[in-house]
Amino acid sequence: MTTRRLSPRTLRGESARYDRPSTAKEAAILQAATRLFGEKGRGARTAEIAAAAGVTERTLFRYFPSKDRLYQRVMFPALLAATMPSELTETARLFAADSETFRDWHARVLKLRTDAARAAAPQFRLMLAALMTDEALRRKVIAIWKPNLWRHAVQTVKRYQKRKQLRSDVAAERIARAIISLNLGYIVARALLAPEAAWDDDAEIEATVAMLFSGVAAT
């Protein structure tokens, strides 16, 4: 059911409704569901979500006719952020000012993505688990991700290659993959694996960007 409904339009709609619950009870249900789905995945029971929200299960079903509907309301905002992050798809922010270097751009994007993952860590954890176990969902997400994020990432790499800030003998797609892989590794460690560690985000991000740049900088 969730997979069939997955589209840019449904992602945006569910995300808007998640951000603007109609009542305090709905907000409490969403908060409890976000935490419990993040901890237990789809195995979380509606009865325990209702109890955590301080409402009856009957009240929960008045707002969400099924557990699947509640699950998608919680997870879809994270999928939207992963497949169509606004700071990457908004032209003015993707195609930065001429004064912005590749290193500045990469550091900015990594910081924005890290902050977003930390702010929605339970949803981010849930999304990663779902993508690893649900092949149909993964295919749908990739179909949305390619035109909305991947295409822009490759275009940005090509722009910096033309400026001779990145090697032109390496395909833009390969550099884009390296950026995404390196960023995802840092984000997972920072937001999920060791969120309580004494991170110095500015220093860590600078080191992460520098390590990639030293391997793809123009000579």
N, C-alpha and C. Protein backbone atom coordinates (compact mmCIF):
# COMPACT_ATOMS: atom_id res chain seq x y z
N MET A 1 0.84 -1.20 0.00
CA MET A 1 0.00 0.00 0.00
C MET A 1 0.86 1.24 0.00
N THR A 2 1.82 1.32 0.93
CA THR A 2 2.69 2.49 1.00
C THR A 2 3.47 2.66 -0.29
N THR A 3 4.00 1.57 -0.83
CA THR A 3 4.81 1.66 -2.03
C THR A 3 4.01 2.16 -3.21
N ARG A 4 2.77 1.68 -3.35
CA ARG A 4 1.94 2.12 -4.48
C ARG A 4 1.67 3.61 -4.42
N ARG A 5 1.54 4.14 -3.23
CA ARG A 5 1.20 5.55 -3.08
C ARG A 5 2.41 6.46 -3.18
N LEU A 6 3.60 5.92 -3.22
CA LEU A 6 4.80 6.73 -3.15
C LEU A 6 5.01 7.50 -4.45
N SER A 7 5.03 8.81 -4.33
CA SER A 7 5.28 9.70 -5.46
C SER A 7 5.70 11.04 -4.88
N PRO A 8 6.31 11.92 -5.71
CA PRO A 8 6.66 13.25 -5.18
C PRO A 8 5.47 13.97 -4.57
N ARG A 9 4.30 13.81 -5.18
CA ARG A 9 3.11 14.50 -4.67
C ARG A 9 2.71 13.98 -3.31
N THR A 10 2.69 12.64 -3.14
CA THR A 10 2.29 12.09 -1.85
C THR A 10 3.33 12.38 -0.78
N LEU A 11 4.61 12.38 -1.15
CA LEU A 11 5.65 12.72 -0.19
C LEU A 11 5.46 14.14 0.35
N ARG A 12 5.19 15.05 -0.57
CA ARG A 12 5.00 16.44 -0.14
C ARG A 12 3.73 16.58 0.70
N GLY A 13 2.66 15.91 0.30
CA GLY A 13 1.41 16.01 1.04
C GLY A 13 1.51 15.47 2.44
N GLU A 14 2.08 14.27 2.58
CA GLU A 14 2.21 13.66 3.91
C GLU A 14 3.18 14.47 4.78
N SER A 15 4.22 15.02 4.17
CA SER A 15 5.18 15.83 4.93
C SER A 15 4.53 17.09 5.46
N ALA A 16 3.71 17.73 4.63
CA ALA A 16 3.00 18.94 5.08
C ALA A 16 2.06 18.63 6.22
N ARG A 17 1.36 17.50 6.13
CA ARG A 17 0.43 17.13 7.20
C ARG A 17 1.17 16.73 8.47
N TYR A 18 2.35 16.13 8.31
CA TYR A 18 3.16 15.78 9.49
C TYR A 18 3.59 17.05 10.22
N ASP A 19 3.98 18.06 9.46
CA ASP A 19 4.46 19.30 10.05
C ASP A 19 3.34 20.15 10.65
N ARG A 20 2.10 19.91 10.20
CA ARG A 20 0.99 20.73 10.68
C ARG A 20 -0.18 19.85 11.14
N PRO A 21 -0.01 19.13 12.25
CA PRO A 21 -1.11 18.29 12.75
C PRO A 21 -2.32 19.15 13.09
N SER A 22 -3.50 18.57 12.93
CA SER A 22 -4.74 19.35 13.09
C SER A 22 -5.10 19.60 14.55
N THR A 23 -4.68 18.73 15.45
CA THR A 23 -5.00 18.88 16.86
C THR A 23 -3.80 18.47 17.71
N ALA A 24 -3.89 18.78 19.00
CA ALA A 24 -2.84 18.38 19.93
C ALA A 24 -2.76 16.85 20.03
N LYS A 25 -3.91 16.18 19.95
CA LYS A 25 -3.91 14.72 20.01
C LYS A 25 -3.19 14.12 18.81
N GLU A 26 -3.47 14.66 17.63
CA GLU A 26 -2.78 14.15 16.44
C GLU A 26 -1.28 14.38 16.56
N ALA A 27 -0.88 15.54 17.07
CA ALA A 27 0.54 15.83 17.26
C ALA A 27 1.17 14.83 18.22
N ALA A 28 0.46 14.48 19.29
CA ALA A 28 0.99 13.52 20.26
C ALA A 28 1.12 12.13 19.64
N ILE A 29 0.15 11.75 18.83
CA ILE A 29 0.21 10.45 18.15
C ILE A 29 1.41 10.40 17.22
N LEU A 30 1.62 11.46 16.44
CA LEU A 30 2.75 11.49 15.51
C LEU A 30 4.08 11.45 16.25
N GLN A 31 4.16 12.17 17.36
CA GLN A 31 5.40 12.17 18.13
C GLN A 31 5.69 10.77 18.68
N ALA A 32 4.68 10.13 19.23
CA ALA A 32 4.87 8.78 19.76
C ALA A 32 5.18 7.78 18.66
N ALA A 33 4.50 7.90 17.53
CA ALA A 33 4.73 6.98 16.42
C ALA A 33 6.13 7.16 15.84
N THR A 34 6.59 8.39 15.75
CA THR A 34 7.94 8.65 15.25
C THR A 34 8.98 7.95 16.12
N ARG A 35 8.81 8.05 17.43
CA ARG A 35 9.77 7.43 18.33
C ARG A 35 9.69 5.90 18.28
N LEU A 36 8.47 5.36 18.33
CA LEU A 36 8.32 3.90 18.41
C LEU A 36 8.61 3.22 17.08
N PHE A 37 8.19 3.81 15.97
CA PHE A 37 8.55 3.24 14.67
C PHE A 37 10.06 3.31 14.48
N GLY A 38 10.67 4.39 14.96
CA GLY A 38 12.12 4.51 14.85
C GLY A 38 12.85 3.45 15.65
N GLU A 39 12.28 3.07 16.80
CA GLU A 39 12.91 2.06 17.65
C GLU A 39 12.60 0.64 17.20
N LYS A 40 11.35 0.40 16.74
CA LYS A 40 10.91 -0.98 16.48
C LYS A 40 10.54 -1.25 15.03
N GLY A 41 10.60 -0.22 14.17
CA GLY A 41 10.17 -0.41 12.80
C GLY A 41 8.67 -0.62 12.72
N ARG A 42 8.23 -1.32 11.70
CA ARG A 42 6.80 -1.54 11.52
C ARG A 42 6.21 -2.50 12.54
N GLY A 43 7.09 -3.10 13.35
CA GLY A 43 6.61 -3.99 14.39
C GLY A 43 5.96 -3.27 15.56
N ALA A 44 6.13 -1.96 15.64
CA ALA A 44 5.49 -1.20 16.72
C ALA A 44 3.98 -1.35 16.60
N ARG A 45 3.32 -1.60 17.72
CA ARG A 45 1.87 -1.82 17.71
C ARG A 45 1.12 -0.51 17.93
N THR A 46 -0.05 -0.42 17.30
CA THR A 46 -0.84 0.80 17.45
C THR A 46 -1.27 1.01 18.90
N ALA A 47 -1.47 -0.09 19.63
CA ALA A 47 -1.88 0.03 21.04
C ALA A 47 -0.80 0.72 21.86
N GLU A 48 0.46 0.36 21.63
CA GLU A 48 1.52 0.98 22.41
C GLU A 48 1.78 2.41 21.94
N ILE A 49 1.55 2.69 20.66
CA ILE A 49 1.68 4.07 20.18
C ILE A 49 0.62 4.95 20.82
N ALA A 50 -0.60 4.43 20.87
CA ALA A 50 -1.70 5.18 21.50
C ALA A 50 -1.41 5.44 22.97
N ALA A 51 -0.92 4.42 23.66
CA ALA A 51 -0.61 4.58 25.08
C ALA A 51 0.47 5.62 25.29
N ALA A 52 1.50 5.59 24.45
CA ALA A 52 2.59 6.56 24.57
C ALA A 52 2.11 7.98 24.28
N ALA A 53 1.09 8.08 23.43
CA ALA A 53 0.54 9.39 23.07
C ALA A 53 -0.49 9.88 24.08
N GLY A 54 -0.89 9.02 25.00
CA GLY A 54 -1.88 9.40 25.99
C GLY A 54 -3.29 9.44 25.44
N VAL A 55 -3.57 8.61 24.42
CA VAL A 55 -4.91 8.54 23.84
C VAL A 55 -5.31 7.07 23.75
N THR A 56 -6.57 6.81 23.45
CA THR A 56 -7.02 5.44 23.26
C THR A 56 -6.68 5.00 21.84
N GLU A 57 -6.65 3.69 21.64
CA GLU A 57 -6.40 3.17 20.30
C GLU A 57 -7.53 3.58 19.35
N ARG A 58 -8.74 3.67 19.88
CA ARG A 58 -9.87 4.10 19.07
C ARG A 58 -9.66 5.53 18.57
N THR A 59 -9.13 6.40 19.43
CA THR A 59 -8.83 7.77 19.01
C THR A 59 -7.76 7.78 17.94
N LEU A 60 -6.74 6.96 18.11
CA LEU A 60 -5.68 6.89 17.10
C LEU A 60 -6.26 6.56 15.73
N PHE A 61 -7.18 5.58 15.69
CA PHE A 61 -7.74 5.16 14.40
C PHE A 61 -8.71 6.19 13.82
N ARG A 62 -9.20 7.12 14.65
CA ARG A 62 -9.99 8.21 14.10
C ARG A 62 -9.12 9.13 13.24
N TYR A 63 -7.87 9.27 13.65
CA TYR A 63 -6.96 10.12 12.89
C TYR A 63 -6.27 9.34 11.76
N PHE A 64 -5.99 8.07 12.01
CA PHE A 64 -5.27 7.25 11.04
C PHE A 64 -6.01 5.92 10.91
N PRO A 65 -6.71 5.69 9.80
CA PRO A 65 -7.55 4.49 9.65
C PRO A 65 -6.78 3.17 9.75
N SER A 66 -5.48 3.21 9.51
CA SER A 66 -4.69 1.98 9.58
C SER A 66 -3.28 2.30 10.05
N LYS A 67 -2.58 1.27 10.50
CA LYS A 67 -1.19 1.47 10.90
C LYS A 67 -0.34 1.88 9.71
N ASP A 68 -0.69 1.39 8.53
CA ASP A 68 0.05 1.75 7.32
C ASP A 68 -0.03 3.25 7.06
N ARG A 69 -1.21 3.84 7.26
CA ARG A 69 -1.36 5.28 7.04
C ARG A 69 -0.54 6.08 8.04
N LEU A 70 -0.50 5.62 9.28
CA LEU A 70 0.30 6.29 10.29
C LEU A 70 1.79 6.14 9.98
N TYR A 71 2.17 4.96 9.55
CA TYR A 71 3.57 4.69 9.21
C TYR A 71 4.04 5.60 8.08
N GLN A 72 3.24 5.75 7.05
CA GLN A 72 3.67 6.58 5.93
C GLN A 72 3.71 8.05 6.33
N ARG A 73 2.80 8.47 7.21
CA ARG A 73 2.82 9.86 7.66
C ARG A 73 4.13 10.16 8.39
N VAL A 74 4.64 9.19 9.13
CA VAL A 74 5.88 9.37 9.88
C VAL A 74 7.09 9.27 8.98
N MET A 75 7.10 8.30 8.06
CA MET A 75 8.31 8.05 7.28
C MET A 75 8.44 8.96 6.06
N PHE A 76 7.33 9.35 5.45
CA PHE A 76 7.42 10.08 4.20
C PHE A 76 8.17 11.40 4.28
N PRO A 77 8.09 12.15 5.40
CA PRO A 77 8.92 13.36 5.46
C PRO A 77 10.41 13.08 5.33
N ALA A 78 10.87 11.97 5.92
CA ALA A 78 12.28 11.61 5.80
C ALA A 78 12.61 11.21 4.36
N LEU A 79 11.70 10.50 3.70
CA LEU A 79 11.92 10.14 2.31
C LEU A 79 11.95 11.38 1.42
N LEU A 80 11.10 12.35 1.72
CA LEU A 80 11.09 13.59 0.95
C LEU A 80 12.42 14.31 1.10
N ALA A 81 12.91 14.40 2.34
CA ALA A 81 14.18 15.08 2.57
C ALA A 81 15.34 14.36 1.89
N ALA A 82 15.26 13.01 1.82
CA ALA A 82 16.34 12.24 1.20
C ALA A 82 16.31 12.33 -0.32
N THR A 83 15.12 12.37 -0.91
CA THR A 83 15.02 12.32 -2.37
C THR A 83 14.93 13.70 -3.01
N MET A 84 14.40 14.69 -2.27
CA MET A 84 14.23 16.02 -2.84
C MET A 84 14.55 17.10 -1.81
N PRO A 85 15.76 17.09 -1.24
CA PRO A 85 16.07 18.10 -0.23
C PRO A 85 16.02 19.50 -0.82
N SER A 86 15.35 20.40 -0.13
CA SER A 86 15.10 21.72 -0.70
C SER A 86 16.38 22.48 -0.96
N GLU A 87 17.41 22.29 -0.11
CA GLU A 87 18.63 23.07 -0.32
C GLU A 87 19.40 22.61 -1.55
N LEU A 88 19.04 21.45 -2.09
CA LEU A 88 19.69 20.98 -3.32
C LEU A 88 18.83 21.24 -4.55
N THR A 89 17.52 21.21 -4.40
CA THR A 89 16.67 21.35 -5.58
C THR A 89 16.28 22.79 -5.87
N GLU A 90 16.41 23.67 -4.89
CA GLU A 90 16.15 25.07 -5.16
C GLU A 90 17.32 25.64 -5.95
N THR A 91 17.05 26.10 -7.15
CA THR A 91 18.10 26.50 -8.07
C THR A 91 19.07 27.50 -7.46
N ALA A 92 18.55 28.48 -6.76
CA ALA A 92 19.41 29.54 -6.22
C ALA A 92 20.42 29.00 -5.22
N ARG A 93 20.06 27.90 -4.55
CA ARG A 93 20.96 27.36 -3.53
C ARG A 93 21.83 26.25 -4.10
N LEU A 94 21.34 25.54 -5.09
CA LEU A 94 22.14 24.51 -5.73
C LEU A 94 23.26 25.13 -6.54
N PHE A 95 22.88 26.03 -7.44
CA PHE A 95 23.88 26.70 -8.27
C PHE A 95 24.33 27.94 -7.53
N ALA A 96 25.31 27.75 -6.68
CA ALA A 96 25.74 28.80 -5.75
C ALA A 96 26.40 29.95 -6.48
N ALA A 97 26.61 31.01 -5.73
CA ALA A 97 27.25 32.19 -6.30
C ALA A 97 28.63 31.83 -6.85
N ASP A 98 29.07 32.60 -7.83
CA ASP A 98 30.35 32.31 -8.47
C ASP A 98 31.51 32.30 -7.49
N SER A 99 31.35 32.99 -6.38
CA SER A 99 32.44 33.07 -5.41
C SER A 99 32.57 31.81 -4.56
N GLU A 100 31.55 30.93 -4.60
CA GLU A 100 31.59 29.73 -3.78
C GLU A 100 32.45 28.66 -4.44
N THR A 101 33.43 28.15 -3.71
CA THR A 101 34.28 27.09 -4.22
C THR A 101 33.61 25.74 -4.04
N PHE A 102 34.19 24.71 -4.68
CA PHE A 102 33.66 23.37 -4.50
C PHE A 102 33.71 22.96 -3.04
N ARG A 103 34.82 23.25 -2.37
CA ARG A 103 34.95 22.86 -0.98
C ARG A 103 33.89 23.55 -0.11
N ASP A 104 33.63 24.82 -0.39
CA ASP A 104 32.59 25.54 0.35
C ASP A 104 31.22 24.92 0.11
N TRP A 105 30.94 24.59 -1.17
CA TRP A 105 29.65 23.99 -1.52
C TRP A 105 29.47 22.65 -0.83
N HIS A 106 30.52 21.81 -0.92
CA HIS A 106 30.43 20.47 -0.32
C HIS A 106 30.24 20.57 1.18
N ALA A 107 30.99 21.44 1.84
CA ALA A 107 30.86 21.59 3.29
C ALA A 107 29.46 22.08 3.67
N ARG A 108 28.92 23.00 2.89
CA ARG A 108 27.59 23.54 3.18
C ARG A 108 26.53 22.46 3.06
N VAL A 109 26.58 21.69 1.98
CA VAL A 109 25.59 20.63 1.77
C VAL A 109 25.69 19.57 2.85
N LEU A 110 26.91 19.17 3.20
CA LEU A 110 27.09 18.14 4.22
C LEU A 110 26.56 18.62 5.57
N LYS A 111 26.80 19.87 5.90
CA LYS A 111 26.29 20.40 7.17
C LYS A 111 24.76 20.43 7.17
N LEU A 112 24.16 20.89 6.08
CA LEU A 112 22.71 20.93 6.01
C LEU A 112 22.10 19.54 6.13
N ARG A 113 22.69 18.57 5.44
CA ARG A 113 22.16 17.20 5.50
C ARG A 113 22.35 16.60 6.89
N THR A 114 23.49 16.87 7.51
CA THR A 114 23.74 16.34 8.85
C THR A 114 22.75 16.93 9.85
N ASP A 115 22.54 18.23 9.79
CA ASP A 115 21.59 18.88 10.70
C ASP A 115 20.18 18.32 10.51
N ALA A 116 19.79 18.08 9.25
CA ALA A 116 18.46 17.53 8.97
C ALA A 116 18.31 16.13 9.55
N ALA A 117 19.34 15.30 9.39
CA ALA A 117 19.29 13.92 9.91
C ALA A 117 19.27 13.91 11.43
N ARG A 118 20.01 14.79 12.05
CA ARG A 118 20.01 14.85 13.52
C ARG A 118 18.66 15.30 14.05
N ALA A 119 18.03 16.23 13.36
CA ALA A 119 16.74 16.75 13.81
C ALA A 119 15.63 15.72 13.69
N ALA A 120 15.79 14.76 12.78
CA ALA A 120 14.77 13.73 12.56
C ALA A 120 15.40 12.34 12.63
N ALA A 121 16.21 12.11 13.66
CA ALA A 121 16.95 10.86 13.76
C ALA A 121 16.06 9.62 13.77
N PRO A 122 14.94 9.58 14.51
CA PRO A 122 14.10 8.37 14.48
C PRO A 122 13.55 8.08 13.07
N GLN A 123 13.12 9.12 12.37
CA GLN A 123 12.62 8.92 11.01
C GLN A 123 13.74 8.48 10.08
N PHE A 124 14.91 9.06 10.25
CA PHE A 124 16.06 8.72 9.41
C PHE A 124 16.43 7.25 9.61
N ARG A 125 16.42 6.81 10.87
CA ARG A 125 16.72 5.41 11.17
C ARG A 125 15.68 4.49 10.54
N LEU A 126 14.43 4.88 10.66
CA LEU A 126 13.33 4.10 10.09
C LEU A 126 13.45 4.01 8.58
N MET A 127 13.78 5.13 7.95
CA MET A 127 13.91 5.16 6.50
C MET A 127 15.02 4.23 6.03
N LEU A 128 16.18 4.28 6.68
CA LEU A 128 17.29 3.42 6.28
C LEU A 128 16.93 1.94 6.42
N ALA A 129 16.27 1.60 7.52
CA ALA A 129 15.87 0.21 7.72
C ALA A 129 14.88 -0.24 6.65
N ALA A 130 13.93 0.63 6.32
CA ALA A 130 12.94 0.29 5.31
C ALA A 130 13.59 0.11 3.94
N LEU A 131 14.52 0.98 3.60
CA LEU A 131 15.18 0.88 2.30
C LEU A 131 16.02 -0.38 2.18
N MET A 132 16.54 -0.87 3.28
CA MET A 132 17.36 -2.08 3.24
C MET A 132 16.53 -3.35 3.17
N THR A 133 15.26 -3.27 3.56
CA THR A 133 14.46 -4.49 3.64
C THR A 133 13.29 -4.54 2.66
N ASP A 134 12.97 -3.42 2.05
CA ASP A 134 11.80 -3.35 1.16
C ASP A 134 12.26 -3.00 -0.26
N GLU A 135 12.38 -4.02 -1.10
CA GLU A 135 12.91 -3.82 -2.45
C GLU A 135 12.01 -2.93 -3.29
N ALA A 136 10.69 -3.11 -3.18
CA ALA A 136 9.77 -2.29 -3.96
C ALA A 136 9.87 -0.81 -3.56
N LEU A 137 9.97 -0.57 -2.26
CA LEU A 137 10.12 0.80 -1.78
C LEU A 137 11.43 1.39 -2.28
N ARG A 138 12.49 0.62 -2.23
CA ARG A 138 13.79 1.12 -2.68
C ARG A 138 13.75 1.52 -4.15
N ARG A 139 13.09 0.71 -4.97
CA ARG A 139 13.00 1.05 -6.40
C ARG A 139 12.22 2.34 -6.60
N LYS A 140 11.15 2.52 -5.84
CA LYS A 140 10.36 3.75 -5.95
C LYS A 140 11.17 4.97 -5.53
N VAL A 141 11.90 4.83 -4.44
CA VAL A 141 12.70 5.94 -3.94
C VAL A 141 13.78 6.32 -4.95
N ILE A 142 14.42 5.32 -5.54
CA ILE A 142 15.45 5.59 -6.55
C ILE A 142 14.86 6.32 -7.75
N ALA A 143 13.65 5.92 -8.13
CA ALA A 143 12.99 6.57 -9.28
C ALA A 143 12.72 8.04 -9.00
N ILE A 144 12.46 8.39 -7.75
CA ILE A 144 12.24 9.79 -7.39
C ILE A 144 13.58 10.50 -7.19
N TRP A 145 14.53 9.81 -6.61
CA TRP A 145 15.82 10.38 -6.25
C TRP A 145 16.65 10.77 -7.48
N LYS A 146 16.61 9.95 -8.52
CA LYS A 146 17.47 10.21 -9.68
C LYS A 146 17.21 11.56 -10.33
N PRO A 147 15.97 11.91 -10.67
CA PRO A 147 15.76 13.21 -11.33
C PRO A 147 15.81 14.39 -10.37
N ASN A 148 15.59 14.17 -9.09
CA ASN A 148 15.47 15.28 -8.16
C ASN A 148 16.75 15.59 -7.38
N LEU A 149 17.62 14.62 -7.20
CA LEU A 149 18.86 14.87 -6.48
C LEU A 149 20.09 14.47 -7.29
N TRP A 150 20.06 13.26 -7.80
CA TRP A 150 21.23 12.77 -8.52
C TRP A 150 21.57 13.65 -9.71
N ARG A 151 20.58 14.03 -10.49
CA ARG A 151 20.82 14.86 -11.67
C ARG A 151 21.47 16.19 -11.29
N HIS A 152 20.96 16.80 -10.20
CA HIS A 152 21.51 18.08 -9.76
C HIS A 152 22.94 17.92 -9.23
N ALA A 153 23.20 16.82 -8.55
CA ALA A 153 24.55 16.58 -8.02
C ALA A 153 25.56 16.46 -9.16
N VAL A 154 25.20 15.73 -10.20
CA VAL A 154 26.10 15.57 -11.35
C VAL A 154 26.30 16.90 -12.05
N GLN A 155 25.24 17.68 -12.21
CA GLN A 155 25.37 18.99 -12.84
C GLN A 155 26.30 19.91 -12.07
N THR A 156 26.20 19.85 -10.75
CA THR A 156 27.07 20.68 -9.92
C THR A 156 28.53 20.27 -10.07
N VAL A 157 28.79 18.97 -10.07
CA VAL A 157 30.17 18.50 -10.27
C VAL A 157 30.70 18.98 -11.61
N LYS A 158 29.89 18.89 -12.65
CA LYS A 158 30.33 19.33 -13.97
C LYS A 158 30.64 20.83 -13.97
N ARG A 159 29.87 21.59 -13.22
CA ARG A 159 30.11 23.02 -13.17
C ARG A 159 31.48 23.31 -12.55
N TYR A 160 31.81 22.58 -11.50
CA TYR A 160 33.12 22.80 -10.88
C TYR A 160 34.26 22.20 -11.72
N GLN A 161 33.97 21.19 -12.49
CA GLN A 161 34.98 20.70 -13.44
C GLN A 161 35.29 21.76 -14.48
N LYS A 162 34.26 22.44 -14.97
CA LYS A 162 34.48 23.50 -15.96
C LYS A 162 35.29 24.65 -15.37
N ARG A 163 35.15 24.87 -14.08
CA ARG A 163 35.93 25.91 -13.40
C ARG A 163 37.34 25.45 -13.08
N LYS A 164 37.63 24.17 -13.40
CA LYS A 164 38.94 23.56 -13.17
C LYS A 164 39.25 23.42 -11.67
N GLN A 165 38.20 23.28 -10.88
CA GLN A 165 38.39 23.00 -9.46
C GLN A 165 38.35 21.50 -9.18
N LEU A 166 37.85 20.72 -10.12
CA LEU A 166 37.81 19.27 -10.00
C LEU A 166 38.43 18.66 -11.25
N ARG A 167 38.95 17.47 -11.08
CA ARG A 167 39.59 16.79 -12.21
C ARG A 167 38.58 16.52 -13.31
N SER A 168 38.98 16.80 -14.52
CA SER A 168 38.10 16.55 -15.67
C SER A 168 38.31 15.16 -16.25
N ASP A 169 39.37 14.45 -15.81
CA ASP A 169 39.62 13.10 -16.33
C ASP A 169 38.84 12.04 -15.56
N VAL A 170 38.08 12.45 -14.55
CA VAL A 170 37.22 11.54 -13.79
C VAL A 170 35.78 11.90 -14.12
N ALA A 171 34.99 10.91 -14.47
CA ALA A 171 33.59 11.17 -14.84
C ALA A 171 32.86 11.87 -13.69
N ALA A 172 32.03 12.85 -14.07
CA ALA A 172 31.27 13.59 -13.05
C ALA A 172 30.42 12.65 -12.21
N GLU A 173 29.88 11.61 -12.83
CA GLU A 173 29.03 10.67 -12.09
C GLU A 173 29.83 9.95 -11.00
N ARG A 174 31.09 9.63 -11.28
CA ARG A 174 31.90 8.95 -10.28
C ARG A 174 32.22 9.88 -9.11
N ILE A 175 32.51 11.12 -9.41
CA ILE A 175 32.77 12.08 -8.33
C ILE A 175 31.51 12.28 -7.50
N ALA A 176 30.36 12.40 -8.16
CA ALA A 176 29.10 12.58 -7.44
C ALA A 176 28.83 11.40 -6.53
N ARG A 177 29.08 10.18 -7.01
CA ARG A 177 28.88 9.00 -6.17
C ARG A 177 29.80 9.03 -4.95
N ALA A 178 31.05 9.45 -5.16
CA ALA A 178 31.99 9.52 -4.05
C ALA A 178 31.53 10.53 -3.00
N ILE A 179 31.03 11.66 -3.46
CA ILE A 179 30.53 12.69 -2.54
C ILE A 179 29.37 12.15 -1.72
N ILE A 180 28.39 11.53 -2.40
CA ILE A 180 27.20 11.03 -1.72
C ILE A 180 27.57 9.92 -0.74
N SER A 181 28.46 9.01 -1.14
CA SER A 181 28.85 7.90 -0.27
C SER A 181 29.58 8.42 0.97
N LEU A 182 30.50 9.35 0.77
CA LEU A 182 31.26 9.89 1.89
C LEU A 182 30.34 10.66 2.83
N ASN A 183 29.45 11.46 2.26
CA ASN A 183 28.52 12.22 3.09
C ASN A 183 27.61 11.31 3.89
N LEU A 184 27.07 10.26 3.23
CA LEU A 184 26.15 9.36 3.93
C LEU A 184 26.84 8.66 5.09
N GLY A 185 28.10 8.26 4.88
CA GLY A 185 28.84 7.62 5.96
C GLY A 185 28.98 8.53 7.16
N TYR A 186 29.30 9.79 6.93
CA TYR A 186 29.44 10.73 8.04
C TYR A 186 28.10 10.98 8.72
N ILE A 187 27.05 11.15 7.92
CA ILE A 187 25.73 11.44 8.48
C ILE A 187 25.23 10.28 9.34
N VAL A 188 25.41 9.06 8.88
CA VAL A 188 24.97 7.89 9.66
C VAL A 188 25.72 7.83 10.98
N ALA A 189 27.04 8.02 10.93
CA ALA A 189 27.83 7.97 12.16
C ALA A 189 27.42 9.09 13.11
N ARG A 190 27.22 10.28 12.57
CA ARG A 190 26.94 11.45 13.41
C ARG A 190 25.54 11.41 14.01
N ALA A 191 24.55 11.03 13.19
CA ALA A 191 23.16 11.12 13.63
C ALA A 191 22.65 9.85 14.29
N LEU A 192 23.20 8.68 13.91
CA LEU A 192 22.62 7.43 14.38
C LEU A 192 23.56 6.57 15.22
N LEU A 193 24.80 6.40 14.78
CA LEU A 193 25.68 5.45 15.45
C LEU A 193 26.27 6.01 16.74
N ALA A 194 26.67 7.27 16.73
CA ALA A 194 27.30 7.84 17.92
C ALA A 194 26.87 9.29 18.11
N PRO A 195 25.56 9.54 18.24
CA PRO A 195 25.10 10.92 18.33
C PRO A 195 25.54 11.64 19.60
N GLU A 196 25.88 10.87 20.64
CA GLU A 196 26.26 11.50 21.91
C GLU A 196 27.76 11.72 22.03
N ALA A 197 28.52 11.32 21.02
CA ALA A 197 29.97 11.52 21.09
C ALA A 197 30.29 13.02 21.02
N ALA A 198 31.49 13.35 21.44
CA ALA A 198 31.91 14.76 21.46
C ALA A 198 32.37 15.17 20.08
N TRP A 199 31.40 15.36 19.19
CA TRP A 199 31.72 15.73 17.81
C TRP A 199 32.06 17.21 17.72
N ASP A 200 33.05 17.52 16.91
CA ASP A 200 33.32 18.90 16.49
C ASP A 200 32.92 18.95 15.03
N ASP A 201 31.65 19.27 14.79
CA ASP A 201 31.10 19.14 13.44
C ASP A 201 31.88 19.97 12.42
N ASP A 202 32.22 21.18 12.76
CA ASP A 202 32.95 22.03 11.81
C ASP A 202 34.27 21.38 11.41
N ALA A 203 35.01 20.88 12.39
CA ALA A 203 36.30 20.26 12.09
C ALA A 203 36.12 18.95 11.34
N GLU A 204 35.13 18.14 11.75
CA GLU A 204 34.90 16.86 11.09
C GLU A 204 34.46 17.06 9.63
N ILE A 205 33.58 18.01 9.41
CA ILE A 205 33.10 18.26 8.05
C ILE A 205 34.24 18.79 7.18
N GLU A 206 35.03 19.69 7.74
CA GLU A 206 36.16 20.21 6.98
C GLU A 206 37.13 19.09 6.60
N ALA A 207 37.41 18.17 7.55
CA ALA A 207 38.31 17.06 7.27
C ALA A 207 37.72 16.12 6.22
N THR A 208 36.40 15.86 6.33
CA THR A 208 35.73 14.99 5.36
C THR A 208 35.81 15.57 3.96
N VAL A 209 35.51 16.85 3.84
CA VAL A 209 35.57 17.52 2.55
C VAL A 209 37.00 17.53 2.02
N ALA A 210 37.96 17.83 2.89
CA ALA A 210 39.35 17.90 2.46
C ALA A 210 39.85 16.55 1.96
N MET A 211 39.45 15.46 2.63
CA MET A 211 39.90 14.14 2.20
C MET A 211 39.37 13.79 0.81
N LEU A 212 38.12 14.14 0.53
CA LEU A 212 37.59 13.87 -0.80
C LEU A 212 38.26 14.80 -1.82
N PHE A 213 38.37 16.07 -1.48
CA PHE A 213 38.90 17.04 -2.43
C PHE A 213 40.34 16.71 -2.82
N SER A 214 41.12 16.22 -1.91
CA SER A 214 42.52 15.92 -2.23
C SER A 214 42.63 14.81 -3.26
N GLY A 215 41.55 14.03 -3.41
CA GLY A 215 41.57 12.96 -4.40
C GLY A 215 40.96 13.32 -5.72
N VAL A 216 40.25 14.46 -5.78
CA VAL A 216 39.59 14.83 -7.03
C VAL A 216 39.95 16.24 -7.49
N ALA A 217 40.85 16.90 -6.78
CA ALA A 217 41.21 18.28 -7.16
C ALA A 217 41.95 18.30 -8.49
N ALA A 218 41.72 19.34 -9.25
CA ALA A 218 42.41 19.51 -10.53
C ALA A 218 43.90 19.73 -10.27
N THR A 219 44.73 19.20 -11.14
CA THR A 219 46.18 19.37 -11.00
C THR A 219 46.67 20.42 -11.97
